[in-house]
């Protein structure tokens, strides 16, 4: 039968078995883990926003390009609308 190693945490080059730590330390570990997950989610959201922004910049370029390629009479109609 295999023995499973207990989860540990390393702080200042010293290893601690998580289940042997006081409740306050376990609470801090849980908070740190939650914050790390939130940070990863926030980074993913920033990546999504940056990608969306680049998409809108490209869409803007396409729209401007369309406007610049219109015959002169049609350009005045498009600007007034």
N, C-alpha and C. Protein backbone atom coordinates (compact mmCIF):
# COMPACT_ATOMS: atom_id res chain seq x y z
N UNK A 1 0.84 -1.18 0.00
CA UNK A 1 0.00 0.00 0.00
C UNK A 1 0.89 1.24 0.00
N UNK A 2 0.54 2.20 -0.89
CA UNK A 2 1.33 3.43 -0.99
C UNK A 2 0.90 4.41 0.10
N UNK A 3 1.88 5.09 0.62
CA UNK A 3 1.55 6.16 1.56
C UNK A 3 1.56 7.47 0.79
N UNK A 4 0.50 8.23 0.98
CA UNK A 4 0.42 9.52 0.30
C UNK A 4 1.09 10.58 1.15
N UNK A 5 1.85 11.42 0.48
CA UNK A 5 2.49 12.51 1.20
C UNK A 5 1.44 13.55 1.55
N UNK A 6 1.60 14.11 2.70
CA UNK A 6 0.67 15.15 3.15
C UNK A 6 1.05 16.45 2.45
N UNK A 7 0.04 17.28 2.13
CA UNK A 7 0.35 18.57 1.51
C UNK A 7 1.24 19.42 2.41
N UNK A 8 2.21 20.04 1.78
CA UNK A 8 3.14 20.90 2.53
C UNK A 8 3.18 22.28 1.89
N UNK A 9 3.72 23.19 2.66
CA UNK A 9 3.95 24.55 2.17
C UNK A 9 5.36 24.93 2.59
N UNK A 10 6.05 25.65 1.71
CA UNK A 10 7.41 26.08 2.00
C UNK A 10 7.41 27.60 2.20
N UNK A 11 7.92 28.00 3.34
CA UNK A 11 8.03 29.43 3.66
C UNK A 11 9.44 29.66 4.17
N UNK A 12 10.12 30.61 3.53
CA UNK A 12 11.51 30.93 3.91
C UNK A 12 12.38 29.67 3.96
N UNK A 13 12.27 28.86 2.92
CA UNK A 13 13.07 27.64 2.76
C UNK A 13 12.80 26.58 3.84
N UNK A 14 11.68 26.69 4.52
CA UNK A 14 11.33 25.69 5.52
C UNK A 14 9.98 25.08 5.14
N UNK A 15 9.90 23.74 5.18
CA UNK A 15 8.68 23.04 4.82
C UNK A 15 7.80 22.82 6.05
N UNK A 16 6.49 22.98 5.84
CA UNK A 16 5.50 22.75 6.90
C UNK A 16 4.41 21.85 6.34
N UNK A 17 3.95 20.91 7.15
CA UNK A 17 2.80 20.08 6.78
C UNK A 17 1.55 20.91 7.08
N UNK A 18 0.74 21.12 6.05
CA UNK A 18 -0.40 22.03 6.17
C UNK A 18 -1.34 21.61 7.30
N UNK A 19 -1.65 20.32 7.39
CA UNK A 19 -2.63 19.90 8.41
C UNK A 19 -2.11 20.07 9.84
N UNK A 20 -0.81 20.24 9.99
CA UNK A 20 -0.23 20.43 11.33
C UNK A 20 -0.19 21.91 11.75
N UNK A 21 -0.51 22.78 10.83
CA UNK A 21 -0.46 24.22 11.12
C UNK A 21 -1.69 24.65 11.92
N UNK A 22 -1.57 25.76 12.66
CA UNK A 22 -2.73 26.28 13.40
C UNK A 22 -3.81 26.76 12.42
N UNK A 23 -5.03 26.84 12.93
CA UNK A 23 -6.16 27.25 12.08
C UNK A 23 -5.94 28.61 11.42
N UNK A 24 -5.31 29.52 12.12
CA UNK A 24 -5.04 30.83 11.54
C UNK A 24 -4.14 30.74 10.31
N UNK A 25 -3.16 29.87 10.38
CA UNK A 25 -2.25 29.67 9.24
C UNK A 25 -2.99 29.02 8.08
N UNK A 26 -3.86 28.03 8.40
CA UNK A 26 -4.65 27.39 7.35
C UNK A 26 -5.58 28.39 6.68
N UNK A 27 -6.14 29.29 7.48
CA UNK A 27 -6.99 30.35 6.93
C UNK A 27 -6.19 31.23 5.96
N UNK A 28 -4.98 31.59 6.36
CA UNK A 28 -4.13 32.41 5.49
C UNK A 28 -3.81 31.69 4.20
N UNK A 29 -3.54 30.40 4.28
CA UNK A 29 -3.25 29.61 3.08
C UNK A 29 -4.46 29.61 2.15
N UNK A 30 -5.64 29.41 2.72
CA UNK A 30 -6.86 29.42 1.91
C UNK A 30 -7.05 30.77 1.23
N UNK A 31 -6.77 31.84 1.96
CA UNK A 31 -6.91 33.18 1.39
C UNK A 31 -5.90 33.40 0.26
N UNK A 32 -4.69 32.96 0.47
CA UNK A 32 -3.65 33.09 -0.56
C UNK A 32 -4.05 32.32 -1.81
N UNK A 33 -4.55 31.10 -1.63
CA UNK A 33 -4.99 30.30 -2.78
C UNK A 33 -6.13 30.99 -3.52
N UNK A 34 -7.08 31.54 -2.77
CA UNK A 34 -8.20 32.25 -3.39
C UNK A 34 -7.71 33.47 -4.16
N UNK A 35 -6.79 34.21 -3.57
CA UNK A 35 -6.25 35.39 -4.23
C UNK A 35 -5.49 35.02 -5.50
N UNK A 36 -4.77 33.90 -5.47
CA UNK A 36 -4.06 33.44 -6.66
C UNK A 36 -5.05 33.09 -7.77
N UNK A 37 -6.16 32.45 -7.41
CA UNK A 37 -7.18 32.13 -8.40
C UNK A 37 -7.81 33.39 -8.96
N UNK A 38 -8.09 34.36 -8.08
CA UNK A 38 -8.66 35.63 -8.54
C UNK A 38 -7.70 36.36 -9.47
N UNK A 39 -6.42 36.30 -9.14
CA UNK A 39 -5.40 36.95 -9.97
C UNK A 39 -5.36 36.31 -11.36
N UNK A 40 -5.41 34.99 -11.40
CA UNK A 40 -5.43 34.29 -12.70
C UNK A 40 -6.67 34.66 -13.50
N UNK A 41 -7.82 34.73 -12.83
CA UNK A 41 -9.05 35.10 -13.51
C UNK A 41 -8.98 36.55 -14.02
N UNK A 42 -8.40 37.43 -13.21
CA UNK A 42 -8.26 38.82 -13.62
C UNK A 42 -7.33 38.95 -14.82
N UNK A 43 -6.24 38.19 -14.81
CA UNK A 43 -5.31 38.21 -15.96
C UNK A 43 -6.02 37.72 -17.23
N UNK A 44 -6.81 36.66 -17.07
CA UNK A 44 -7.56 36.14 -18.23
C UNK A 44 -8.54 37.19 -18.73
N UNK A 45 -9.19 37.90 -17.82
CA UNK A 45 -10.14 38.95 -18.21
C UNK A 45 -9.42 40.09 -18.92
N UNK A 46 -8.26 40.49 -18.42
CA UNK A 46 -7.47 41.55 -19.07
C UNK A 46 -7.07 41.09 -20.47
N UNK A 47 -6.65 39.83 -20.61
CA UNK A 47 -6.31 39.30 -21.94
C UNK A 47 -7.52 39.39 -22.88
N UNK A 48 -8.71 39.05 -22.37
CA UNK A 48 -9.92 39.13 -23.19
C UNK A 48 -10.20 40.57 -23.60
N UNK A 49 -10.07 41.49 -22.66
CA UNK A 49 -10.33 42.90 -22.96
C UNK A 49 -9.33 43.45 -23.97
N UNK A 50 -8.07 43.07 -23.82
CA UNK A 50 -7.06 43.53 -24.77
C UNK A 50 -7.32 42.98 -26.16
N UNK A 51 -7.72 41.71 -26.23
CA UNK A 51 -8.04 41.10 -27.52
C UNK A 51 -9.25 41.79 -28.16
N UNK A 52 -10.27 42.04 -27.35
CA UNK A 52 -11.46 42.73 -27.86
C UNK A 52 -11.09 44.14 -28.34
N UNK A 53 -10.24 44.83 -27.61
CA UNK A 53 -9.81 46.16 -28.01
C UNK A 53 -9.10 46.12 -29.36
N UNK A 54 -8.20 45.15 -29.52
CA UNK A 54 -7.50 45.02 -30.81
C UNK A 54 -8.49 44.73 -31.94
N UNK A 55 -9.50 43.93 -31.63
CA UNK A 55 -10.52 43.64 -32.63
C UNK A 55 -11.27 44.88 -33.06
N UNK A 56 -11.62 45.72 -32.10
CA UNK A 56 -12.33 46.96 -32.43
C UNK A 56 -11.43 47.95 -33.17
N UNK A 57 -10.15 47.97 -32.84
CA UNK A 57 -9.22 48.82 -33.59
C UNK A 57 -9.17 48.37 -35.04
N UNK A 58 -9.10 47.05 -35.27
CA UNK A 58 -9.10 46.53 -36.63
C UNK A 58 -10.41 46.83 -37.34
N UNK A 59 -11.54 46.70 -36.63
CA UNK A 59 -12.84 47.02 -37.22
C UNK A 59 -12.92 48.50 -37.59
N UNK A 60 -12.36 49.35 -36.75
CA UNK A 60 -12.32 50.79 -37.03
C UNK A 60 -11.52 51.06 -38.30
N UNK A 61 -10.39 50.40 -38.43
CA UNK A 61 -9.57 50.58 -39.64
C UNK A 61 -10.34 50.16 -40.89
N UNK A 62 -11.08 49.06 -40.78
CA UNK A 62 -11.88 48.59 -41.92
C UNK A 62 -12.94 49.63 -42.27
N UNK A 63 -13.62 50.17 -41.26
CA UNK A 63 -14.66 51.16 -41.51
C UNK A 63 -14.08 52.43 -42.13
N UNK A 64 -12.93 52.88 -41.64
CA UNK A 64 -12.29 54.07 -42.21
C UNK A 64 -11.86 53.79 -43.64
N UNK A 65 -11.33 52.60 -43.87
CA UNK A 65 -10.90 52.22 -45.21
C UNK A 65 -12.10 52.24 -46.17
N UNK A 66 -13.24 51.73 -45.72
CA UNK A 66 -14.45 51.74 -46.55
C UNK A 66 -14.82 53.18 -46.90
N UNK A 67 -14.77 54.06 -45.89
CA UNK A 67 -15.14 55.46 -46.10
C UNK A 67 -14.18 56.12 -47.10
N UNK A 68 -12.90 55.84 -46.96
CA UNK A 68 -11.90 56.48 -47.83
C UNK A 68 -12.00 55.98 -49.26
N UNK A 69 -12.56 54.81 -49.48
CA UNK A 69 -12.66 54.24 -50.81
C UNK A 69 -13.99 54.54 -51.50
N UNK A 70 -14.86 55.33 -50.85
CA UNK A 70 -16.14 55.69 -51.47
C UNK A 70 -15.91 56.78 -52.52
N UNK A 71 -16.71 56.78 -53.58
CA UNK A 71 -16.66 57.91 -54.52
C UNK A 71 -17.01 59.20 -53.78
N UNK A 72 -16.54 60.36 -54.30
CA UNK A 72 -16.69 61.63 -53.58
C UNK A 72 -18.13 61.97 -53.23
N UNK A 73 -19.06 61.76 -54.10
CA UNK A 73 -20.46 62.08 -53.82
C UNK A 73 -21.02 61.26 -52.68
N UNK A 74 -20.62 60.02 -52.59
CA UNK A 74 -21.13 59.14 -51.53
C UNK A 74 -20.49 59.48 -50.18
N UNK A 75 -19.28 60.00 -50.19
CA UNK A 75 -18.61 60.34 -48.94
C UNK A 75 -19.38 61.41 -48.19
N UNK A 76 -19.84 62.43 -48.88
CA UNK A 76 -20.61 63.49 -48.22
C UNK A 76 -21.88 62.92 -47.62
N UNK A 77 -22.55 62.01 -48.30
CA UNK A 77 -23.77 61.40 -47.77
C UNK A 77 -23.46 60.60 -46.51
N UNK A 78 -22.37 59.88 -46.49
CA UNK A 78 -22.02 59.05 -45.33
C UNK A 78 -21.63 59.90 -44.13
N UNK A 79 -20.95 61.01 -44.34
CA UNK A 79 -20.51 61.87 -43.25
C UNK A 79 -21.71 62.54 -42.59
N UNK A 80 -22.71 62.94 -43.38
CA UNK A 80 -23.89 63.62 -42.85
C UNK A 80 -24.74 62.68 -42.02
N UNK A 81 -24.79 61.41 -42.38
CA UNK A 81 -25.65 60.48 -41.66
C UNK A 81 -25.20 60.33 -40.29
